[in-house]
N, C-alpha and C. Protein backbone atom coordinates (compact mmCIF):
# COMPACT_ATOMS: atom_id res chain seq x y z
N UNK A 1 -11.77 94.59 -30.90
CA UNK A 1 -12.63 94.23 -31.71
C UNK A 1 -12.46 92.85 -32.87
N UNK A 2 -13.58 92.03 -33.09
CA UNK A 2 -13.05 90.99 -33.22
C UNK A 2 -12.92 90.71 -34.66
N UNK A 3 -12.56 89.81 -35.79
CA UNK A 3 -12.11 89.73 -36.88
C UNK A 3 -13.41 89.67 -37.45
N UNK A 4 -13.29 90.15 -38.83
CA UNK A 4 -14.57 90.25 -39.44
C UNK A 4 -14.63 89.19 -41.19
N UNK A 5 -16.00 88.34 -41.10
CA UNK A 5 -16.10 87.55 -42.35
C UNK A 5 -17.01 87.80 -42.91
N UNK A 6 -16.64 87.97 -44.79
CA UNK A 6 -17.02 88.09 -45.57
C UNK A 6 -17.68 87.32 -46.02
N UNK A 7 -18.98 86.44 -46.49
CA UNK A 7 -18.99 85.11 -47.40
C UNK A 7 -19.63 86.15 -49.13
N UNK A 8 -19.04 85.81 -49.93
CA UNK A 8 -20.20 86.44 -51.25
C UNK A 8 -19.91 85.37 -51.57
N UNK A 9 -21.35 85.01 -52.52
CA UNK A 9 -21.56 84.23 -53.59
C UNK A 9 -21.58 85.70 -54.78
N UNK A 10 -21.95 84.63 -56.30
CA UNK A 10 -22.37 85.42 -57.29
C UNK A 10 -21.09 85.29 -58.55
N UNK A 11 -20.89 87.14 -59.31
CA UNK A 11 -20.18 87.23 -60.25
C UNK A 11 -19.13 87.88 -59.82
N UNK A 12 -17.99 87.43 -60.36
CA UNK A 12 -16.83 88.02 -58.98
C UNK A 12 -15.57 87.45 -60.26
N UNK A 13 -14.89 88.37 -61.29
CA UNK A 13 -14.26 87.53 -62.07
C UNK A 13 -12.92 87.88 -60.91
N UNK A 14 -13.26 88.72 -60.35
CA UNK A 14 -11.74 88.64 -59.34
C UNK A 14 -11.13 87.87 -58.18
N UNK A 15 -11.74 87.16 -58.18
CA UNK A 15 -11.56 86.32 -57.64
C UNK A 15 -11.61 84.55 -58.23
N UNK A 16 -12.76 84.59 -58.76
CA UNK A 16 -12.69 83.48 -59.75
C UNK A 16 -13.08 83.66 -61.17
N UNK A 17 -11.23 82.43 -62.13
CA UNK A 17 -11.50 82.63 -63.16
C UNK A 17 -12.82 82.52 -63.95
N UNK A 18 -13.28 81.24 -63.67
CA UNK A 18 -14.90 81.17 -64.55
C UNK A 18 -16.07 82.80 -64.17
N UNK A 19 -15.69 83.31 -63.01
CA UNK A 19 -16.93 84.47 -63.05
C UNK A 19 -17.51 84.13 -61.64
N UNK A 20 -17.80 83.21 -62.14
CA UNK A 20 -19.33 82.37 -60.64
C UNK A 20 -18.29 81.33 -59.10
N UNK A 21 -18.63 81.86 -58.48
CA UNK A 21 -18.26 81.21 -57.41
C UNK A 21 -18.71 82.15 -56.33
N UNK A 22 -18.16 80.87 -55.03
CA UNK A 22 -17.89 81.68 -53.29
C UNK A 22 -16.62 82.84 -53.11
N UNK A 23 -16.79 82.82 -52.24
CA UNK A 23 -15.44 83.55 -51.60
C UNK A 23 -15.02 84.09 -50.25
N UNK A 24 -14.39 83.70 -49.79
CA UNK A 24 -14.08 84.81 -47.97
C UNK A 24 -13.16 85.17 -47.97
N UNK A 25 -13.69 86.34 -47.05
CA UNK A 25 -12.75 86.86 -47.08
C UNK A 25 -12.82 87.35 -45.16
N UNK A 26 -11.29 87.94 -44.54
CA UNK A 26 -11.21 87.64 -43.19
C UNK A 26 -10.45 89.08 -43.10
N UNK A 27 -11.22 89.86 -42.49
CA UNK A 27 -11.36 90.75 -41.87
C UNK A 27 -10.64 91.45 -40.66
N UNK A 28 -9.30 91.39 -40.46
CA UNK A 28 -8.53 91.41 -39.20
C UNK A 28 -8.10 92.84 -38.12
N UNK A 29 -8.61 93.15 -37.08
CA UNK A 29 -8.48 94.24 -36.14
C UNK A 29 -7.19 95.23 -36.99
N UNK A 30 -5.50 94.84 -37.68
CA UNK A 30 -4.85 94.73 -37.54
C UNK A 30 -5.41 95.82 -38.59
N UNK A 31 -6.03 95.56 -39.55
CA UNK A 31 -6.43 96.21 -40.86
C UNK A 31 -6.11 94.96 -42.66
N UNK A 32 -5.26 94.19 -41.00
CA UNK A 32 -4.92 92.78 -42.48
C UNK A 32 -5.34 91.83 -42.92
N UNK A 33 -5.90 91.28 -44.71
CA UNK A 33 -7.44 90.74 -44.88
C UNK A 33 -6.21 89.65 -45.49
N UNK A 34 -7.51 88.53 -45.29
CA UNK A 34 -6.92 86.93 -46.30
C UNK A 34 -8.07 86.76 -46.83
N UNK A 35 -7.82 86.43 -47.91
CA UNK A 35 -8.59 85.33 -48.70
C UNK A 35 -8.34 83.93 -49.39
N UNK A 36 -9.46 83.19 -48.74
CA UNK A 36 -9.35 81.96 -49.08
C UNK A 36 -10.62 81.48 -49.44
N UNK A 37 -10.67 79.75 -49.93
CA UNK A 37 -11.71 79.11 -50.67
C UNK A 37 -12.49 78.39 -49.20
N UNK A 38 -11.10 78.16 -48.84
CA UNK A 38 -12.25 77.66 -46.91
C UNK A 38 -13.79 77.97 -46.80
N UNK A 39 -14.58 76.98 -46.34
CA UNK A 39 -15.05 77.15 -45.84
C UNK A 39 -15.09 77.67 -44.63
N UNK A 40 -15.63 78.98 -44.12
CA UNK A 40 -15.55 78.96 -42.37
C UNK A 40 -17.17 79.89 -42.06
N UNK A 41 -17.90 79.17 -40.70
CA UNK A 41 -18.98 79.00 -40.70
C UNK A 41 -19.28 80.45 -39.75
N UNK A 42 -20.32 81.23 -39.26
CA UNK A 42 -19.88 82.57 -38.94
C UNK A 42 -20.78 82.39 -37.72
N UNK A 43 -20.26 82.19 -36.36
CA UNK A 43 -20.57 82.59 -35.13
C UNK A 43 -22.39 83.55 -35.49
N UNK A 44 -22.29 84.70 -35.35
CA UNK A 44 -23.30 85.58 -35.04
C UNK A 44 -23.01 86.26 -36.90
N UNK A 45 -24.33 86.30 -37.01
CA UNK A 45 -24.05 87.43 -38.59
C UNK A 45 -25.39 88.27 -38.24
N UNK A 46 -24.56 89.39 -39.09
CA UNK A 46 -24.74 90.79 -38.34
C UNK A 46 -25.45 91.30 -39.51
N UNK A 47 -25.30 90.52 -40.61
CA UNK A 47 -26.21 91.61 -42.11
C UNK A 47 -25.94 90.59 -43.24
N UNK A 48 -26.63 90.59 -43.74
CA UNK A 48 -27.00 90.66 -45.86
C UNK A 48 -26.81 91.63 -46.22
N UNK A 49 -26.21 91.74 -47.72
CA UNK A 49 -25.98 92.90 -47.98
C UNK A 49 -26.21 92.27 -49.52
N UNK A 50 -26.57 93.31 -50.82
CA UNK A 50 -26.07 93.13 -52.80
C UNK A 50 -24.92 93.82 -52.24
N UNK A 51 -23.84 93.60 -53.45
CA UNK A 51 -23.09 94.57 -53.81
C UNK A 51 -22.28 94.87 -55.08
N UNK A 52 -22.43 95.73 -55.54
CA UNK A 52 -22.69 95.60 -57.58
C UNK A 52 -20.83 96.85 -57.65
N UNK A 53 -20.44 96.14 -58.48
CA UNK A 53 -19.18 97.13 -58.53
C UNK A 53 -19.64 97.24 -60.40
N UNK A 54 -19.58 98.46 -60.74
CA UNK A 54 -19.01 98.51 -62.27
C UNK A 54 -17.93 99.54 -61.87
N UNK A 55 -16.69 99.31 -62.59
CA UNK A 55 -15.37 100.00 -62.49
C UNK A 55 -15.24 100.31 -61.32
N UNK A 56 -14.72 101.99 -60.79
CA UNK A 56 -14.53 101.98 -60.53
C UNK A 56 -15.47 102.79 -58.35
N UNK A 57 -16.89 101.87 -58.87
CA UNK A 57 -17.61 102.65 -58.11
C UNK A 57 -18.48 101.10 -57.68
N UNK A 58 -18.78 101.89 -56.46
CA UNK A 58 -19.68 100.49 -55.29
C UNK A 58 -20.92 100.84 -54.60
N UNK A 59 -21.83 100.08 -54.81
CA UNK A 59 -23.30 100.56 -54.72
C UNK A 59 -23.59 99.12 -53.92
N UNK A 60 -23.69 99.51 -52.49
CA UNK A 60 -23.65 98.06 -51.57
C UNK A 60 -24.83 98.35 -50.84
N UNK A 61 -26.27 97.78 -51.29
CA UNK A 61 -27.75 97.71 -50.19
C UNK A 61 -27.55 96.66 -49.13
N UNK A 62 -27.47 96.71 -47.94
CA UNK A 62 -28.19 95.90 -46.74
C UNK A 62 -28.22 95.77 -45.53
N UNK A 63 -28.66 94.86 -45.42
CA UNK A 63 -29.38 94.93 -43.93
C UNK A 63 -28.73 95.71 -42.97
N UNK A 64 -28.03 95.71 -42.59
CA UNK A 64 -27.14 96.90 -41.56
C UNK A 64 -26.90 97.95 -42.03
N UNK A 65 -26.20 98.12 -41.07
CA UNK A 65 -26.07 100.15 -41.24
C UNK A 65 -25.25 100.31 -41.82
N UNK A 66 -24.78 101.42 -42.83
CA UNK A 66 -26.06 101.59 -43.41
C UNK A 66 -26.32 101.14 -44.57
N UNK A 67 -28.22 101.32 -44.64
CA UNK A 67 -28.83 100.51 -45.13
C UNK A 67 -28.22 100.87 -47.04
N UNK A 68 -27.82 101.90 -47.72
CA UNK A 68 -27.13 101.90 -48.83
C UNK A 68 -25.89 102.73 -48.08
N UNK A 69 -24.87 102.17 -49.76
CA UNK A 69 -24.12 103.46 -49.55
C UNK A 69 -23.67 103.55 -51.06
N UNK A 70 -22.48 104.18 -51.30
CA UNK A 70 -21.61 104.23 -52.34
C UNK A 70 -20.75 104.83 -52.43
N UNK A 71 -19.78 103.61 -52.81
CA UNK A 71 -18.41 104.16 -52.56
C UNK A 71 -17.44 104.16 -54.34
N UNK A 72 -16.58 104.67 -53.83
CA UNK A 72 -15.22 105.25 -55.30
C UNK A 72 -14.41 104.33 -54.33
N UNK A 73 -13.71 103.07 -55.33
CA UNK A 73 -12.29 102.15 -55.09
C UNK A 73 -10.75 102.96 -55.87
N UNK A 74 -9.62 102.04 -55.73
CA UNK A 74 -8.73 102.99 -56.01
C UNK A 74 -8.62 102.36 -57.57
N UNK A 75 -9.30 100.63 -57.42
CA UNK A 75 -8.85 100.57 -59.09
C UNK A 75 -10.34 99.91 -59.52
N UNK A 76 -10.51 99.25 -61.08
CA UNK A 76 -11.42 98.88 -61.87
C UNK A 76 -11.75 97.41 -61.51
N UNK A 77 -13.21 97.14 -61.02
CA UNK A 77 -13.73 96.14 -61.14
C UNK A 77 -15.24 95.58 -61.74
N UNK A 78 -14.98 94.73 -61.98
CA UNK A 78 -16.95 94.48 -61.89
C UNK A 78 -17.27 93.31 -61.04
N UNK A 79 -18.14 93.19 -60.31
CA UNK A 79 -18.29 92.32 -59.59
C UNK A 79 -20.19 92.57 -59.34
N UNK A 80 -21.19 91.43 -58.87
CA UNK A 80 -22.24 91.33 -58.93
C UNK A 80 -22.49 90.12 -57.86
N UNK A 81 -23.03 90.70 -56.51
CA UNK A 81 -22.21 89.58 -55.39
C UNK A 81 -23.45 89.53 -54.75
N UNK A 82 -24.02 88.69 -53.56
CA UNK A 82 -25.00 88.14 -52.51
C UNK A 82 -23.56 88.11 -51.75
N UNK A 83 -23.76 88.73 -50.27
CA UNK A 83 -22.71 88.17 -48.72
C UNK A 83 -23.75 88.13 -47.65
N UNK A 84 -22.70 88.00 -46.94
CA UNK A 84 -23.00 87.79 -45.59
C UNK A 84 -22.01 88.32 -44.71
N UNK A 85 -22.48 89.30 -43.58
CA UNK A 85 -21.07 89.47 -43.10
C UNK A 85 -21.60 88.91 -41.40
N UNK A 86 -20.54 88.82 -40.85
CA UNK A 86 -20.33 88.44 -39.74
C UNK A 86 -18.99 88.67 -38.80
N UNK A 87 -19.06 87.63 -37.29
CA UNK A 87 -18.21 87.88 -36.81
C UNK A 87 -17.72 85.58 -36.33
């Protein structure tokens, strides 16, 4: 399986001191992740999504499968982002 690339724009205090910005995360097949502020081009656009993270709960609405998901995370955060997922 190739690496997965997530590019997100929006309100994200986890990655931006001011809260607003762009972030890129690369997820490798072995499970490791790399966060970067570099611009990376996605060859294949798989889906677009909106993610709302309040406290330990994350709601994702996506053009891919599943179209809607609710996840519980271990850590607390607050994010409202628009993202593009691809390879």
